[in-house]
């Protein structure tokens, strides 16, 4: 009887392991990043912080912040490789691979990307990018996250919006920006 119970437990646990098969594995490129929660940026010469509204497209800035360690002719050629062995690589169309860290499927709707300092040299301890509300439809992995954006990158974003603007010298060193993200599978 004990053997039968152990066998039933083993078979049940094997089935549960299969249920945890990650939907995340694949090669992706970043196709969209949009602000999901309005944040404010202090601009020199403007008496109030400039709001950056939810829905603002920040794809280029996020690609620069997270993918700049790989040299590619365009962002759609920079792959984020989520591998079966829980490693995470960045590459230019699967060439010149860079070990970017690891990943964990916390649940079927939550993904953690542990980007190391090779992937994000500006972050001395790397970046843990937790993506929540993850769905995968038609090869598109989408979800929500937040990421610390350094002051220098925010200053470049501000200048790109309007060359006459500059980030106030008293702005915080880091901005936590909440955004939605879409990764399209290659």
N, C-alpha and C. Protein backbone atom coordinates (compact mmCIF):
# COMPACT_ATOMS: atom_id res chain seq x y z
N UNK A 1 0.83 -1.19 0.00
CA UNK A 1 0.00 0.00 0.00
C UNK A 1 0.88 1.26 0.00
N UNK A 2 1.94 1.26 0.86
CA UNK A 2 2.85 2.41 0.92
C UNK A 2 3.51 2.61 -0.44
N UNK A 3 3.93 1.52 -1.07
CA UNK A 3 4.56 1.61 -2.38
C UNK A 3 3.60 2.21 -3.40
N UNK A 4 2.35 1.80 -3.33
CA UNK A 4 1.34 2.32 -4.25
C UNK A 4 1.14 3.82 -4.03
N UNK A 5 1.11 4.27 -2.78
CA UNK A 5 0.97 5.70 -2.48
C UNK A 5 2.18 6.49 -2.97
N UNK A 6 3.39 5.94 -2.75
CA UNK A 6 4.59 6.62 -3.22
C UNK A 6 4.61 6.72 -4.74
N UNK A 7 4.20 5.66 -5.41
CA UNK A 7 4.14 5.65 -6.86
C UNK A 7 3.13 6.68 -7.35
N UNK A 8 1.97 6.75 -6.72
CA UNK A 8 0.95 7.73 -7.11
C UNK A 8 1.48 9.15 -6.88
N UNK A 9 2.18 9.37 -5.78
CA UNK A 9 2.76 10.68 -5.51
C UNK A 9 3.81 11.05 -6.53
N UNK A 10 4.62 10.08 -6.92
CA UNK A 10 5.66 10.33 -7.92
C UNK A 10 5.04 10.69 -9.27
N UNK A 11 4.03 9.94 -9.68
CA UNK A 11 3.37 10.21 -10.96
C UNK A 11 2.70 11.58 -10.93
N UNK A 12 2.06 11.92 -9.82
CA UNK A 12 1.41 13.23 -9.69
C UNK A 12 2.44 14.34 -9.75
N UNK A 13 3.58 14.17 -9.06
CA UNK A 13 4.59 15.22 -9.08
C UNK A 13 5.23 15.35 -10.46
N UNK A 14 5.35 14.25 -11.20
CA UNK A 14 5.89 14.34 -12.56
C UNK A 14 4.97 15.17 -13.44
N UNK A 15 3.69 14.96 -13.30
CA UNK A 15 2.73 15.74 -14.07
C UNK A 15 2.80 17.22 -13.73
N UNK A 16 3.04 17.54 -12.46
CA UNK A 16 3.13 18.94 -12.05
C UNK A 16 4.37 19.59 -12.65
N UNK A 17 5.47 18.84 -12.74
CA UNK A 17 6.67 19.39 -13.35
C UNK A 17 6.39 19.77 -14.81
N UNK A 18 5.63 18.93 -15.51
CA UNK A 18 5.30 19.22 -16.89
C UNK A 18 4.44 20.47 -16.98
N UNK A 19 3.55 20.68 -15.99
CA UNK A 19 2.70 21.86 -15.98
C UNK A 19 3.53 23.13 -15.83
N UNK A 20 4.73 23.01 -15.27
CA UNK A 20 5.59 24.17 -15.07
C UNK A 20 6.48 24.45 -16.27
N UNK A 21 6.29 23.72 -17.36
CA UNK A 21 7.09 23.96 -18.55
C UNK A 21 6.93 25.41 -18.96
N UNK A 22 8.02 26.14 -19.00
CA UNK A 22 7.94 27.57 -19.27
C UNK A 22 7.44 27.90 -20.67
N UNK A 23 6.52 28.83 -20.73
CA UNK A 23 6.06 29.35 -22.02
C UNK A 23 7.02 30.40 -22.54
N UNK A 24 8.00 30.75 -21.71
CA UNK A 24 8.86 31.89 -21.99
C UNK A 24 10.01 31.58 -22.94
N UNK A 25 10.40 30.31 -23.07
CA UNK A 25 11.59 29.95 -23.84
C UNK A 25 11.45 30.40 -25.29
N UNK A 26 12.50 31.03 -25.79
CA UNK A 26 12.50 31.46 -27.19
C UNK A 26 13.44 32.63 -27.42
N UNK A 27 13.54 33.04 -28.66
CA UNK A 27 14.35 34.20 -29.06
C UNK A 27 13.39 35.33 -29.39
N UNK A 28 13.59 36.46 -28.75
CA UNK A 28 12.67 37.59 -28.88
C UNK A 28 13.41 38.86 -29.26
N UNK A 29 12.68 39.82 -29.79
CA UNK A 29 13.19 41.18 -29.91
C UNK A 29 12.14 42.10 -29.33
N UNK A 30 12.58 43.22 -28.78
CA UNK A 30 11.68 44.14 -28.11
C UNK A 30 10.95 44.97 -29.16
N UNK A 31 9.63 44.87 -29.16
CA UNK A 31 8.84 45.59 -30.15
C UNK A 31 8.09 46.78 -29.57
N UNK A 32 7.92 46.81 -28.25
CA UNK A 32 7.18 47.93 -27.68
C UNK A 32 7.45 48.07 -26.19
N UNK A 33 7.58 49.31 -25.76
CA UNK A 33 7.64 49.66 -24.35
C UNK A 33 6.90 50.99 -24.20
N UNK A 34 5.87 51.00 -23.36
CA UNK A 34 5.08 52.22 -23.15
C UNK A 34 4.92 52.46 -21.66
N UNK A 35 5.01 53.74 -21.28
CA UNK A 35 4.83 54.13 -19.89
C UNK A 35 3.45 53.64 -19.44
N UNK A 36 3.39 52.95 -18.30
CA UNK A 36 2.10 52.47 -17.81
C UNK A 36 1.59 53.29 -16.62
N UNK A 37 2.45 54.12 -16.06
CA UNK A 37 2.06 54.99 -14.95
C UNK A 37 2.77 56.33 -15.11
N UNK A 38 1.99 57.40 -15.16
CA UNK A 38 2.56 58.74 -15.35
C UNK A 38 3.63 59.03 -14.31
N UNK A 39 4.75 59.61 -14.77
CA UNK A 39 5.79 60.07 -13.85
C UNK A 39 6.21 61.47 -14.26
N UNK A 40 6.88 62.19 -13.39
CA UNK A 40 7.25 63.58 -13.66
C UNK A 40 8.75 63.75 -13.73
N UNK A 41 9.16 64.67 -14.59
CA UNK A 41 10.58 64.95 -14.80
C UNK A 41 10.81 66.46 -14.63
N UNK A 42 11.72 66.83 -13.72
CA UNK A 42 12.01 68.26 -13.56
C UNK A 42 12.88 68.79 -14.70
N UNK A 43 12.43 69.88 -15.32
CA UNK A 43 13.12 70.48 -16.46
C UNK A 43 13.64 71.85 -16.04
N UNK A 44 14.88 72.13 -16.38
CA UNK A 44 15.48 73.44 -16.08
C UNK A 44 14.66 74.54 -16.74
N UNK A 45 14.31 75.58 -15.94
CA UNK A 45 13.59 76.73 -16.47
C UNK A 45 12.08 76.58 -16.50
N UNK A 46 11.57 75.41 -16.20
CA UNK A 46 10.12 75.20 -16.13
C UNK A 46 9.77 75.07 -14.65
N UNK A 47 8.83 75.89 -14.15
CA UNK A 47 8.57 75.93 -12.71
C UNK A 47 7.89 74.70 -12.12
N UNK A 48 7.47 73.79 -12.95
CA UNK A 48 6.80 72.57 -12.44
C UNK A 48 7.36 71.37 -13.20
N UNK A 49 7.37 70.19 -12.56
CA UNK A 49 7.87 68.99 -13.26
C UNK A 49 6.99 68.65 -14.47
N UNK A 50 7.62 68.21 -15.53
CA UNK A 50 6.93 67.83 -16.75
C UNK A 50 6.39 66.41 -16.59
N UNK A 51 5.06 66.23 -16.71
CA UNK A 51 4.53 64.86 -16.61
C UNK A 51 4.78 64.07 -17.89
N UNK A 52 5.17 62.83 -17.73
CA UNK A 52 5.29 61.91 -18.85
C UNK A 52 4.10 60.97 -18.71
N UNK A 53 3.08 61.14 -19.56
CA UNK A 53 1.82 60.41 -19.34
C UNK A 53 1.90 58.93 -19.70
N UNK A 54 1.02 58.17 -19.05
CA UNK A 54 0.86 56.76 -19.38
C UNK A 54 0.55 56.67 -20.88
N UNK A 55 1.10 55.68 -21.54
CA UNK A 55 0.90 55.50 -22.97
C UNK A 55 2.02 56.06 -23.82
N UNK A 56 2.92 56.84 -23.21
CA UNK A 56 4.05 57.40 -23.96
C UNK A 56 4.97 56.27 -24.42
N UNK A 57 5.30 56.26 -25.70
CA UNK A 57 6.18 55.23 -26.26
C UNK A 57 7.63 55.51 -25.85
N UNK A 58 8.22 54.57 -25.13
CA UNK A 58 9.62 54.70 -24.70
C UNK A 58 10.45 53.51 -25.20
N UNK A 59 9.98 52.90 -26.27
CA UNK A 59 10.65 51.70 -26.80
C UNK A 59 12.13 51.95 -27.06
N UNK A 60 12.44 53.02 -27.76
CA UNK A 60 13.83 53.30 -28.12
C UNK A 60 14.70 53.48 -26.88
N UNK A 61 14.20 54.20 -25.89
CA UNK A 61 14.97 54.44 -24.67
C UNK A 61 15.21 53.15 -23.90
N UNK A 62 14.21 52.29 -23.82
CA UNK A 62 14.36 51.03 -23.09
C UNK A 62 15.30 50.10 -23.86
N UNK A 63 15.19 50.08 -25.18
CA UNK A 63 16.12 49.28 -25.97
C UNK A 63 17.55 49.73 -25.72
N UNK A 64 17.75 51.03 -25.69
CA UNK A 64 19.09 51.58 -25.43
C UNK A 64 19.57 51.18 -24.04
N UNK A 65 18.70 51.30 -23.05
CA UNK A 65 19.08 51.00 -21.67
C UNK A 65 19.38 49.53 -21.45
N UNK A 66 18.60 48.66 -22.07
CA UNK A 66 18.73 47.22 -21.77
C UNK A 66 19.48 46.42 -22.82
N UNK A 67 19.63 46.95 -24.03
CA UNK A 67 20.22 46.15 -25.10
C UNK A 67 21.48 46.75 -25.69
N UNK A 68 21.97 47.84 -25.13
CA UNK A 68 23.09 48.55 -25.75
C UNK A 68 24.42 47.80 -25.65
N UNK A 69 24.49 46.75 -24.84
CA UNK A 69 25.74 46.00 -24.73
C UNK A 69 26.00 45.10 -25.95
N UNK A 70 25.00 44.97 -26.82
CA UNK A 70 25.15 44.19 -28.04
C UNK A 70 25.13 45.15 -29.22
N UNK A 71 26.16 45.06 -30.05
CA UNK A 71 26.22 45.93 -31.23
C UNK A 71 25.45 45.28 -32.37
N UNK A 72 24.41 45.99 -32.80
CA UNK A 72 23.58 45.51 -33.91
C UNK A 72 23.19 46.71 -34.75
N UNK A 73 22.91 46.48 -36.02
CA UNK A 73 22.56 47.59 -36.91
C UNK A 73 21.18 48.16 -36.60
N UNK A 74 20.30 47.37 -36.00
CA UNK A 74 18.99 47.87 -35.59
C UNK A 74 18.45 47.03 -34.43
N UNK A 75 17.55 47.63 -33.67
CA UNK A 75 17.02 46.97 -32.47
C UNK A 75 16.27 45.68 -32.79
N UNK A 76 15.64 45.60 -33.97
CA UNK A 76 14.89 44.38 -34.28
C UNK A 76 15.80 43.20 -34.61
N UNK A 77 17.10 43.45 -34.67
CA UNK A 77 18.07 42.36 -34.87
C UNK A 77 18.74 41.95 -33.56
N UNK A 78 18.47 42.70 -32.48
CA UNK A 78 19.03 42.38 -31.18
C UNK A 78 18.09 41.41 -30.48
N UNK A 79 18.55 40.20 -30.30
CA UNK A 79 17.73 39.16 -29.70
C UNK A 79 17.93 39.09 -28.19
N UNK A 80 16.84 38.81 -27.52
CA UNK A 80 16.85 38.42 -26.12
C UNK A 80 16.56 36.93 -26.15
N UNK A 81 17.56 36.14 -25.80
CA UNK A 81 17.43 34.69 -25.88
C UNK A 81 17.12 34.13 -24.50
N UNK A 82 15.91 33.62 -24.34
CA UNK A 82 15.49 32.99 -23.09
C UNK A 82 15.61 31.49 -23.33
N UNK A 83 16.63 30.90 -22.74
CA UNK A 83 16.99 29.52 -23.07
C UNK A 83 16.42 28.51 -22.08
N UNK A 84 16.31 27.29 -22.57
CA UNK A 84 15.74 26.19 -21.80
C UNK A 84 16.52 25.89 -20.52
N UNK A 85 17.83 26.18 -20.52
CA UNK A 85 18.66 25.90 -19.34
C UNK A 85 18.63 27.06 -18.32
N UNK A 86 17.68 27.98 -18.48
CA UNK A 86 17.48 29.14 -17.60
C UNK A 86 18.59 30.18 -17.73
N UNK A 87 19.35 30.10 -18.80
CA UNK A 87 20.31 31.16 -19.07
C UNK A 87 19.65 32.20 -19.96
N UNK A 88 20.23 33.38 -19.94
CA UNK A 88 19.69 34.51 -20.69
C UNK A 88 20.84 35.09 -21.51
N UNK A 89 20.66 35.20 -22.81
CA UNK A 89 21.69 35.73 -23.68
C UNK A 89 21.12 36.87 -24.51
N UNK A 90 21.98 37.79 -24.88
CA UNK A 90 21.68 38.83 -25.85
C UNK A 90 22.56 38.56 -27.05
N UNK A 91 22.04 38.80 -28.25
CA UNK A 91 22.86 38.58 -29.44
C UNK A 91 22.36 39.45 -30.59
N UNK A 92 23.16 39.50 -31.62
CA UNK A 92 22.78 40.16 -32.85
C UNK A 92 22.43 39.05 -33.84
N UNK A 93 21.15 38.79 -33.99
CA UNK A 93 20.66 37.70 -34.83
C UNK A 93 21.37 36.38 -34.54
N UNK A 94 21.48 36.06 -33.27
CA UNK A 94 22.07 34.82 -32.76
C UNK A 94 23.58 34.74 -32.95
N UNK A 95 24.22 35.84 -33.35
CA UNK A 95 25.68 35.89 -33.47
C UNK A 95 26.23 36.79 -32.37
N UNK A 96 27.49 36.64 -32.07
CA UNK A 96 28.15 37.44 -31.03
C UNK A 96 27.36 37.41 -29.71
N UNK A 97 27.04 36.20 -29.28
CA UNK A 97 26.24 36.03 -28.07
C UNK A 97 26.93 36.58 -26.84
N UNK A 98 26.14 37.22 -25.99
CA UNK A 98 26.62 37.77 -24.73
C UNK A 98 25.84 37.10 -23.61
N UNK A 99 26.55 36.46 -22.69
CA UNK A 99 25.89 35.88 -21.53
C UNK A 99 25.35 37.04 -20.69
N UNK A 100 24.03 37.19 -20.68
CA UNK A 100 23.39 38.34 -20.04
C UNK A 100 22.85 38.03 -18.66
N UNK A 101 22.90 36.77 -18.24
CA UNK A 101 22.41 36.42 -16.91
C UNK A 101 21.56 35.18 -16.92
N UNK A 102 20.51 35.21 -16.11
CA UNK A 102 19.62 34.06 -15.96
C UNK A 102 18.17 34.55 -15.96
N UNK A 103 17.28 33.59 -16.02
CA UNK A 103 15.86 33.92 -15.91
C UNK A 103 15.17 32.88 -15.06
N UNK A 104 14.03 33.27 -14.50
CA UNK A 104 13.22 32.37 -13.69
C UNK A 104 11.76 32.59 -14.05
N UNK A 105 11.06 31.52 -14.32
CA UNK A 105 9.62 31.60 -14.49
C UNK A 105 8.99 31.44 -13.12
N UNK A 106 8.64 32.54 -12.49
CA UNK A 106 8.08 32.50 -11.14
C UNK A 106 6.71 31.83 -11.19
N UNK A 107 5.95 32.13 -12.21
CA UNK A 107 4.67 31.47 -12.48
C UNK A 107 4.42 31.62 -13.97
N UNK A 108 3.28 31.15 -14.44
CA UNK A 108 2.98 31.28 -15.87
C UNK A 108 2.68 32.72 -16.26
N UNK A 109 2.53 33.59 -15.26
CA UNK A 109 2.25 34.99 -15.55
C UNK A 109 3.29 35.94 -14.96
N UNK A 110 4.42 35.38 -14.54
CA UNK A 110 5.47 36.21 -13.95
C UNK A 110 6.85 35.68 -14.32
N UNK A 111 7.67 36.57 -14.86
CA UNK A 111 8.99 36.23 -15.37
C UNK A 111 10.02 37.16 -14.75
N UNK A 112 11.13 36.60 -14.28
CA UNK A 112 12.21 37.40 -13.70
C UNK A 112 13.44 37.24 -14.58
N UNK A 113 13.92 38.38 -15.12
CA UNK A 113 15.15 38.40 -15.91
C UNK A 113 16.25 38.99 -15.03
N UNK A 114 17.26 38.20 -14.71
CA UNK A 114 18.39 38.66 -13.90
C UNK A 114 19.51 39.06 -14.85
N UNK A 115 19.53 40.33 -15.21
CA UNK A 115 20.53 40.84 -16.15
C UNK A 115 21.81 41.18 -15.40
N UNK A 116 22.92 40.59 -15.82
CA UNK A 116 24.20 40.79 -15.14
C UNK A 116 24.88 42.08 -15.62
N UNK A 117 26.04 42.36 -15.08
CA UNK A 117 26.75 43.59 -15.42
C UNK A 117 27.31 43.57 -16.84
N UNK A 118 27.48 42.41 -17.43
CA UNK A 118 27.87 42.36 -18.85
C UNK A 118 26.74 42.88 -19.72
N UNK A 119 25.51 42.59 -19.33
CA UNK A 119 24.35 43.03 -20.10
C UNK A 119 24.05 44.50 -19.86
N UNK A 120 24.19 44.94 -18.61
CA UNK A 120 23.89 46.33 -18.25
C UNK A 120 25.10 46.90 -17.50
N UNK A 121 26.13 47.31 -18.24
CA UNK A 121 27.37 47.78 -17.60
C UNK A 121 27.17 48.98 -16.67
N UNK A 122 26.13 49.78 -16.91
CA UNK A 122 25.90 50.95 -16.06
C UNK A 122 25.33 50.59 -14.70
N UNK A 123 24.95 49.34 -14.50
CA UNK A 123 24.42 48.89 -13.22
C UNK A 123 25.46 47.99 -12.55
N UNK A 124 26.13 48.49 -11.50
CA UNK A 124 27.24 47.75 -10.90
C UNK A 124 26.88 46.38 -10.32
N UNK A 125 25.60 46.14 -10.05
CA UNK A 125 25.19 44.83 -9.53
C UNK A 125 24.22 44.13 -10.47
N UNK A 126 24.06 44.67 -11.68
CA UNK A 126 23.10 44.11 -12.61
C UNK A 126 21.71 44.65 -12.34
N UNK A 127 20.73 44.11 -13.06
CA UNK A 127 19.34 44.56 -12.92
C UNK A 127 18.44 43.33 -12.87
N UNK A 128 17.57 43.29 -11.88
CA UNK A 128 16.55 42.24 -11.81
C UNK A 128 15.27 42.83 -12.38
N UNK A 129 14.88 42.38 -13.54
CA UNK A 129 13.70 42.90 -14.22
C UNK A 129 12.56 41.90 -14.04
N UNK A 130 11.62 42.25 -13.18
CA UNK A 130 10.49 41.38 -12.90
C UNK A 130 9.32 41.81 -13.78
N UNK A 131 8.86 40.89 -14.63
CA UNK A 131 7.76 41.16 -15.55
C UNK A 131 6.54 40.43 -15.02
N UNK A 132 5.46 41.18 -14.78
CA UNK A 132 4.23 40.61 -14.24
C UNK A 132 3.12 40.66 -15.29
N UNK A 133 2.01 40.01 -14.98
CA UNK A 133 0.85 39.97 -15.88
C UNK A 133 1.26 39.51 -17.28
N UNK A 134 2.16 38.53 -17.32
CA UNK A 134 2.70 38.05 -18.60
C UNK A 134 1.65 37.21 -19.33
N UNK A 135 1.52 37.50 -20.62
CA UNK A 135 0.72 36.66 -21.51
C UNK A 135 1.57 36.39 -22.74
N UNK A 136 1.26 35.30 -23.40
CA UNK A 136 1.93 35.00 -24.67
C UNK A 136 0.85 34.63 -25.67
N UNK A 137 0.72 35.47 -26.68
CA UNK A 137 -0.29 35.28 -27.70
C UNK A 137 0.35 35.47 -29.06
N UNK A 138 0.22 34.46 -29.91
CA UNK A 138 0.74 34.58 -31.27
C UNK A 138 2.21 34.93 -31.34
N UNK A 139 3.00 34.40 -30.41
CA UNK A 139 4.44 34.67 -30.42
C UNK A 139 4.83 36.00 -29.80
N UNK A 140 3.89 36.70 -29.18
CA UNK A 140 4.19 37.96 -28.52
C UNK A 140 4.06 37.77 -27.01
N UNK A 141 5.15 38.02 -26.33
CA UNK A 141 5.19 37.94 -24.87
C UNK A 141 5.01 39.36 -24.36
N UNK A 142 3.97 39.59 -23.59
CA UNK A 142 3.73 40.94 -23.08
C UNK A 142 3.51 40.91 -21.58
N UNK A 143 3.81 42.02 -20.94
CA UNK A 143 3.63 42.13 -19.50
C UNK A 143 3.97 43.52 -19.03
N UNK A 144 4.06 43.67 -17.71
CA UNK A 144 4.35 44.97 -17.09
C UNK A 144 5.59 44.83 -16.22
N UNK A 145 6.35 45.91 -16.13
CA UNK A 145 7.54 45.90 -15.30
C UNK A 145 7.88 47.31 -14.87
N UNK A 146 8.90 47.43 -14.08
CA UNK A 146 9.47 48.74 -13.76
C UNK A 146 10.98 48.57 -13.79
N UNK A 147 11.65 49.64 -14.13
CA UNK A 147 13.10 49.56 -14.26
C UNK A 147 13.70 50.87 -13.78
N UNK A 148 14.83 50.77 -13.08
CA UNK A 148 15.52 52.01 -12.69
C UNK A 148 16.25 52.58 -13.90
N UNK A 149 15.94 53.83 -14.23
CA UNK A 149 16.56 54.50 -15.37
C UNK A 149 17.49 55.58 -14.82
N UNK A 150 18.78 55.53 -15.17
CA UNK A 150 19.72 56.53 -14.65
C UNK A 150 19.40 57.93 -15.19
N UNK A 151 19.78 58.90 -14.38
CA UNK A 151 19.56 60.31 -14.68
C UNK A 151 20.07 60.69 -16.08
N UNK A 152 21.23 60.19 -16.47
CA UNK A 152 21.80 60.53 -17.78
C UNK A 152 20.90 60.07 -18.93
N UNK A 153 20.30 58.89 -18.78
CA UNK A 153 19.42 58.39 -19.84
C UNK A 153 18.13 59.20 -19.88
N UNK A 154 17.59 59.57 -18.70
CA UNK A 154 16.39 60.41 -18.66
C UNK A 154 16.71 61.77 -19.30
N UNK A 155 17.90 62.31 -19.04
CA UNK A 155 18.31 63.59 -19.64
C UNK A 155 18.33 63.47 -21.17
N UNK A 156 18.81 62.36 -21.70
CA UNK A 156 18.84 62.15 -23.15
C UNK A 156 17.42 62.04 -23.71
N UNK A 157 16.52 61.38 -22.95
CA UNK A 157 15.13 61.27 -23.38
C UNK A 157 14.48 62.65 -23.44
N UNK A 158 14.73 63.46 -22.42
CA UNK A 158 14.18 64.82 -22.35
C UNK A 158 14.67 65.64 -23.54
N UNK A 159 15.96 65.55 -23.82
CA UNK A 159 16.55 66.30 -24.92
C UNK A 159 16.01 65.84 -26.27
N UNK A 160 15.70 64.54 -26.38
CA UNK A 160 15.13 64.02 -27.62
C UNK A 160 13.71 64.55 -27.84
N UNK A 161 12.98 64.75 -26.75
CA UNK A 161 11.63 65.31 -26.86
C UNK A 161 11.66 66.76 -27.32
N UNK A 162 12.63 67.51 -26.78
CA UNK A 162 12.75 68.92 -27.13
C UNK A 162 14.20 69.33 -26.91
N UNK A 163 14.94 69.63 -27.96
CA UNK A 163 16.36 69.98 -27.83
C UNK A 163 16.63 71.21 -26.95
N UNK A 164 15.60 72.03 -26.72
CA UNK A 164 15.77 73.21 -25.86
C UNK A 164 15.65 72.88 -24.37
N UNK A 165 15.21 71.68 -24.06
CA UNK A 165 15.02 71.28 -22.66
C UNK A 165 16.27 70.60 -22.12
N UNK A 166 16.46 70.73 -20.82
CA UNK A 166 17.51 69.97 -20.13
C UNK A 166 16.99 69.55 -18.77
N UNK A 167 17.41 68.40 -18.34
CA UNK A 167 17.00 67.87 -17.05
C UNK A 167 17.55 68.75 -15.94
N UNK A 168 16.73 69.07 -14.97
CA UNK A 168 17.15 69.90 -13.84
C UNK A 168 18.30 69.22 -13.09
N UNK A 169 19.27 70.00 -12.68
CA UNK A 169 20.45 69.48 -11.97
C UNK A 169 20.07 68.78 -10.67
N UNK A 170 18.95 69.14 -10.07
CA UNK A 170 18.50 68.53 -8.81
C UNK A 170 17.63 67.29 -9.01
N UNK A 171 17.51 66.81 -10.24
CA UNK A 171 16.72 65.61 -10.51
C UNK A 171 17.34 64.42 -9.79
N UNK A 172 16.52 63.44 -9.42
CA UNK A 172 17.09 62.26 -8.75
C UNK A 172 18.07 61.52 -9.65
N UNK A 173 19.00 60.80 -9.05
CA UNK A 173 19.99 60.04 -9.82
C UNK A 173 19.36 58.88 -10.59
N UNK A 174 18.25 58.35 -10.04
CA UNK A 174 17.56 57.21 -10.64
C UNK A 174 16.06 57.51 -10.68
N UNK A 175 15.44 57.21 -11.81
CA UNK A 175 13.99 57.28 -11.95
C UNK A 175 13.47 55.85 -12.07
N UNK A 176 12.45 55.50 -11.29
CA UNK A 176 11.82 54.19 -11.43
C UNK A 176 10.64 54.38 -12.38
N UNK A 177 10.73 53.77 -13.54
CA UNK A 177 9.71 53.95 -14.56
C UNK A 177 8.94 52.64 -14.73
N UNK A 178 7.62 52.73 -14.60
CA UNK A 178 6.75 51.57 -14.80
C UNK A 178 6.26 51.59 -16.24
N UNK A 179 6.38 50.44 -16.90
CA UNK A 179 5.97 50.39 -18.30
C UNK A 179 5.49 49.02 -18.71
N UNK A 180 4.74 49.00 -19.79
CA UNK A 180 4.33 47.73 -20.41
C UNK A 180 5.36 47.39 -21.46
N UNK A 181 5.48 46.12 -21.73
CA UNK A 181 6.56 45.62 -22.58
C UNK A 181 6.02 44.54 -23.50
N UNK A 182 6.44 44.58 -24.76
CA UNK A 182 6.11 43.51 -25.70
C UNK A 182 7.40 42.99 -26.33
N UNK A 183 7.58 41.68 -26.25
CA UNK A 183 8.69 41.00 -26.89
C UNK A 183 8.11 40.07 -27.94
N UNK A 184 8.57 40.19 -29.16
CA UNK A 184 8.05 39.37 -30.25
C UNK A 184 9.03 38.25 -30.56
N UNK A 185 8.51 37.04 -30.62
CA UNK A 185 9.36 35.87 -30.85
C UNK A 185 9.79 35.81 -32.31
N UNK A 186 11.07 35.51 -32.51
CA UNK A 186 11.63 35.37 -33.85
C UNK A 186 11.44 33.94 -34.31
